[in-house]
């Protein structure tokens, strides 16, 4: 069953290649959606795909790339979007 998660990651997550690493992880897991930086310093992800792969992405988000310092990961299940790829948005 396909699901859609909105994920907000707080901490030192900008300027550490978090978006690029999240995109690579989403590609590896076969997910669709996007990742973007937020004005307040958070990173925001919308991802959809099989439940098991989404859970794996959320697990990865708690650590992120090597230079990230993740303080909080907040996940909300939402309605599916119309995504065909996983992209980095500015």
Protein backbone atom coordinates (compact mmCIF):
# COMPACT_ATOMS: atom_id res chain seq x y z
CA UNK A 1 0.00 0.00 0.00
CA UNK A 2 1.33 3.43 -0.96
CA UNK A 3 1.54 6.12 1.70
CA UNK A 4 2.63 9.76 1.87
CA UNK A 5 4.69 11.28 4.69
CA UNK A 6 5.50 14.92 5.40
CA UNK A 7 8.75 15.03 7.36
CA UNK A 8 10.32 18.05 9.08
CA UNK A 9 13.92 17.70 10.27
CA UNK A 10 15.39 20.21 12.75
CA UNK A 11 18.97 20.78 13.87
CA UNK A 12 22.13 21.49 11.89
CA UNK A 13 20.63 20.24 8.64
CA UNK A 14 21.34 23.07 6.19
CA UNK A 15 24.77 23.55 4.66
CA UNK A 16 25.69 19.89 5.25
CA UNK A 17 24.37 18.39 1.97
CA UNK A 18 21.26 17.05 3.72
CA UNK A 19 19.02 17.65 0.68
CA UNK A 20 21.37 15.89 -1.75
CA UNK A 21 21.86 12.97 0.62
CA UNK A 22 18.10 12.70 1.23
CA UNK A 23 17.50 12.63 -2.51
CA UNK A 24 20.06 9.83 -2.92
CA UNK A 25 18.42 7.85 -0.12
CA UNK A 26 14.96 8.38 -1.62
CA UNK A 27 16.23 7.20 -5.03
CA UNK A 28 17.78 4.14 -3.40
CA UNK A 29 14.47 3.34 -1.72
CA UNK A 30 12.39 3.99 -4.85
CA UNK A 31 10.41 6.88 -3.35
CA UNK A 32 8.86 9.93 -5.03
CA UNK A 33 8.45 13.49 -3.71
CA UNK A 34 10.75 16.37 -2.86
CA UNK A 35 13.11 17.86 -0.28
CA UNK A 36 13.67 21.57 0.40
CA UNK A 37 15.29 23.93 2.90
CA UNK A 38 12.94 25.96 5.06
CA UNK A 39 13.58 29.63 6.02
CA UNK A 40 13.78 28.68 9.73
CA UNK A 41 16.73 26.30 9.15
CA UNK A 42 14.73 23.05 8.97
CA UNK A 43 14.64 20.63 6.06
CA UNK A 44 11.21 19.56 4.80
CA UNK A 45 10.50 16.34 2.89
CA UNK A 46 7.37 15.08 1.21
CA UNK A 47 7.80 11.45 0.21
CA UNK A 48 5.49 8.74 -0.99
CA UNK A 49 5.80 5.08 -1.73
CA UNK A 50 5.48 1.74 0.04
CA UNK A 51 5.17 1.94 3.83
CA UNK A 52 8.35 -0.06 4.49
CA UNK A 53 10.48 2.24 2.31
CA UNK A 54 8.99 5.37 3.89
CA UNK A 55 9.81 4.01 7.34
CA UNK A 56 13.38 3.39 6.16
CA UNK A 57 13.65 7.00 4.92
CA UNK A 58 12.36 8.36 8.25
CA UNK A 59 14.89 6.19 10.07
CA UNK A 60 17.66 7.61 7.85
CA UNK A 61 16.42 11.17 8.57
CA UNK A 62 17.26 10.74 12.27
CA UNK A 63 20.95 10.62 11.31
CA UNK A 64 21.20 12.17 7.84
CA UNK A 65 24.55 12.78 6.16
CA UNK A 66 27.84 12.72 8.12
CA UNK A 67 28.01 16.45 9.04
CA UNK A 68 24.36 16.82 10.07
CA UNK A 69 23.27 17.13 13.68
CA UNK A 70 19.62 16.09 13.81
CA UNK A 71 17.73 17.29 16.86
CA UNK A 72 14.16 16.39 15.89
CA UNK A 73 12.25 14.54 13.17
CA UNK A 74 8.51 15.19 12.95
CA UNK A 75 6.41 12.95 10.67
CA UNK A 76 2.80 13.42 9.56
CA UNK A 77 0.96 11.05 7.26
CA UNK A 78 -0.87 12.98 4.53
CA UNK A 79 -2.77 12.62 1.27
CA UNK A 80 -0.80 11.35 -1.70
CA UNK A 81 0.53 13.87 -4.20
CA UNK A 82 1.17 13.52 -7.89
CA UNK A 83 4.93 13.00 -7.79
CA UNK A 84 6.79 11.04 -10.46
CA UNK A 85 10.37 11.56 -9.20
CA UNK A 86 12.16 12.71 -6.04
CA UNK A 87 13.60 16.18 -6.53
CA UNK A 88 15.43 18.89 -4.66
CA UNK A 89 13.45 22.11 -4.48
CA UNK A 90 14.93 25.49 -3.70
